[in-house]
Protein backbone atom coordinates (compact mmCIF):
# COMPACT_ATOMS: atom_id res chain seq x y z
CA MET A 1 23.92 -4.72 92.21
CA GLN A 2 21.97 -4.35 95.41
CA GLN A 3 23.69 -3.51 98.68
CA THR A 4 22.46 -4.65 102.04
CA PRO A 5 23.54 -3.25 105.40
CA SER A 6 25.25 -6.51 106.33
CA ALA A 7 27.37 -6.86 103.20
CA THR A 8 29.29 -4.62 100.85
CA ARG A 9 30.61 -5.52 97.42
CA VAL A 10 34.05 -4.05 96.64
CA ALA A 11 35.98 -4.89 93.47
CA GLY A 12 34.02 -8.10 92.99
CA VAL A 13 34.65 -9.31 96.54
CA GLN A 14 31.81 -9.96 98.94
CA GLN A 15 32.76 -8.95 102.46
CA ARG A 16 30.77 -9.07 105.67
CA SER A 17 30.34 -5.79 107.49
CA GLY A 18 31.17 -5.90 111.19
CA ASP A 19 33.34 -9.02 111.08
CA PRO A 20 34.96 -9.31 114.55
CA ARG A 21 38.22 -10.37 112.92
CA ILE A 22 38.48 -6.92 111.35
CA ALA A 23 38.38 -5.22 114.74
CA SER A 24 40.95 -7.66 116.05
CA MET A 25 43.32 -7.13 113.12
CA PHE A 26 42.91 -3.35 113.34
CA SER A 27 43.62 -3.25 117.08
CA LYS A 28 46.72 -5.44 116.62
CA ASP A 29 47.98 -3.18 113.83
CA CYS A 30 47.41 -0.09 116.01
CA LEU A 31 49.25 -1.73 118.88
CA TRP A 32 52.20 -2.67 116.67
CA ALA A 33 52.36 0.76 115.05
CA SER A 34 52.24 2.55 118.41
CA GLY A 35 54.78 0.20 119.95
CA LEU A 36 57.22 0.55 117.09
CA LEU A 37 56.81 4.32 117.16
CA ALA A 38 57.67 4.30 120.87
CA VAL A 39 60.74 2.15 120.10
CA LEU A 40 61.78 4.65 117.43
CA TRP A 41 61.52 7.52 119.92
CA LEU A 42 63.57 5.56 122.46
CA LEU A 43 66.22 4.74 119.87
CA TYR A 44 66.53 8.36 118.81
CA ALA A 45 66.80 9.44 122.45
CA PHE A 46 69.47 6.80 123.12
CA VAL A 47 71.51 7.74 120.04
CA PHE A 48 71.27 11.43 120.88
CA TYR A 49 72.35 10.72 124.45
CA GLU A 50 75.34 8.68 123.25
CA VAL A 51 76.37 11.16 120.55
CA TRP A 52 75.94 14.28 122.71
CA PRO A 53 79.40 14.15 124.39
CA ASN A 54 81.11 13.82 121.00
CA THR A 55 79.46 16.81 119.35
CA GLY A 56 81.91 19.31 120.85
CA ASP A 57 80.16 22.40 119.54
CA GLY A 58 76.75 23.45 120.85
CA ASN A 59 75.60 24.29 117.32
CA VAL A 60 76.20 20.71 116.19
CA ALA A 61 74.15 19.38 119.09
CA LEU A 62 71.39 21.86 118.27
CA ALA A 63 71.41 20.82 114.61
CA LEU A 64 71.23 17.14 115.62
CA ALA A 65 68.39 17.84 118.04
CA ILE A 66 66.40 19.82 115.48
CA SER A 67 66.92 17.34 112.65
CA GLY A 68 66.17 14.34 114.87
CA GLY A 69 63.10 16.09 116.23
CA LEU A 70 61.84 16.78 112.72
CA VAL A 71 62.33 13.16 111.71
CA LEU A 72 60.43 12.02 114.80
CA LEU A 73 57.69 14.59 114.19
CA PHE A 74 57.13 13.51 110.58
CA ASN A 75 57.32 9.79 111.40
CA SER A 76 54.85 10.24 114.25
CA ALA A 77 52.49 12.24 112.04
CA SER A 78 52.64 9.59 109.32
CA ILE A 79 51.84 6.79 111.78
CA VAL A 80 48.91 8.77 113.20
CA ALA A 81 47.65 9.44 109.67
CA MET A 82 48.02 5.76 108.76
CA ILE A 83 46.03 4.68 111.83
CA LYS A 84 43.31 7.24 111.02
CA HIS A 85 43.14 6.05 107.41
CA TYR A 86 42.97 2.42 108.51
CA SER A 87 40.19 3.21 110.98
CA ASP A 88 38.19 5.05 108.31
CA ASP A 89 38.59 2.30 105.70
CA LYS A 90 39.21 -0.82 107.78
CA GLU A 91 36.24 -2.74 106.36
CA HIS A 92 37.77 -2.55 102.89
CA ILE A 93 41.44 -2.97 103.88
CA TYR A 94 41.00 -5.92 106.21
CA GLY A 95 37.96 -7.32 104.40
CA LEU A 96 40.05 -8.05 101.31
CA ASP A 97 42.73 -9.73 103.42
CA LEU A 98 40.17 -11.86 105.23
CA HIS A 99 38.42 -12.78 101.98
CA TYR A 100 41.63 -14.19 100.49
CA LEU A 101 42.65 -15.81 103.78
CA ASP A 102 39.28 -17.60 103.85
CA ILE A 103 39.76 -18.74 100.26
CA MET A 104 43.23 -20.11 101.08
CA GLN A 105 41.89 -21.96 104.13
CA LYS A 106 39.09 -23.51 102.08
CA ALA A 107 41.60 -24.59 99.43
CA LYS A 108 43.75 -26.36 102.05
CA ARG A 109 40.83 -28.53 103.19
């Protein structure tokens, strides 16, 4: 099998390198991931703000803050890692999706 710079063969699927739809899909996924991560942070802040008066003890509030902070830290790190992985391998990830989307569109015609 011979590879050219404009095409790569992965798992029997021919995909075009540099397809503008890949960049579009990747940027939309990054936007959604970042937006949902921001919503998660806002939800945690809101819940902490609402629960704070009911904690009574300062140690309970500290435990809630630390545990919530750890959850946010690990969720944020996982989203950043996912975006990095997608950016490194987006030709393969989105190329397969686009290949099968193109096949489905051809079948509908």
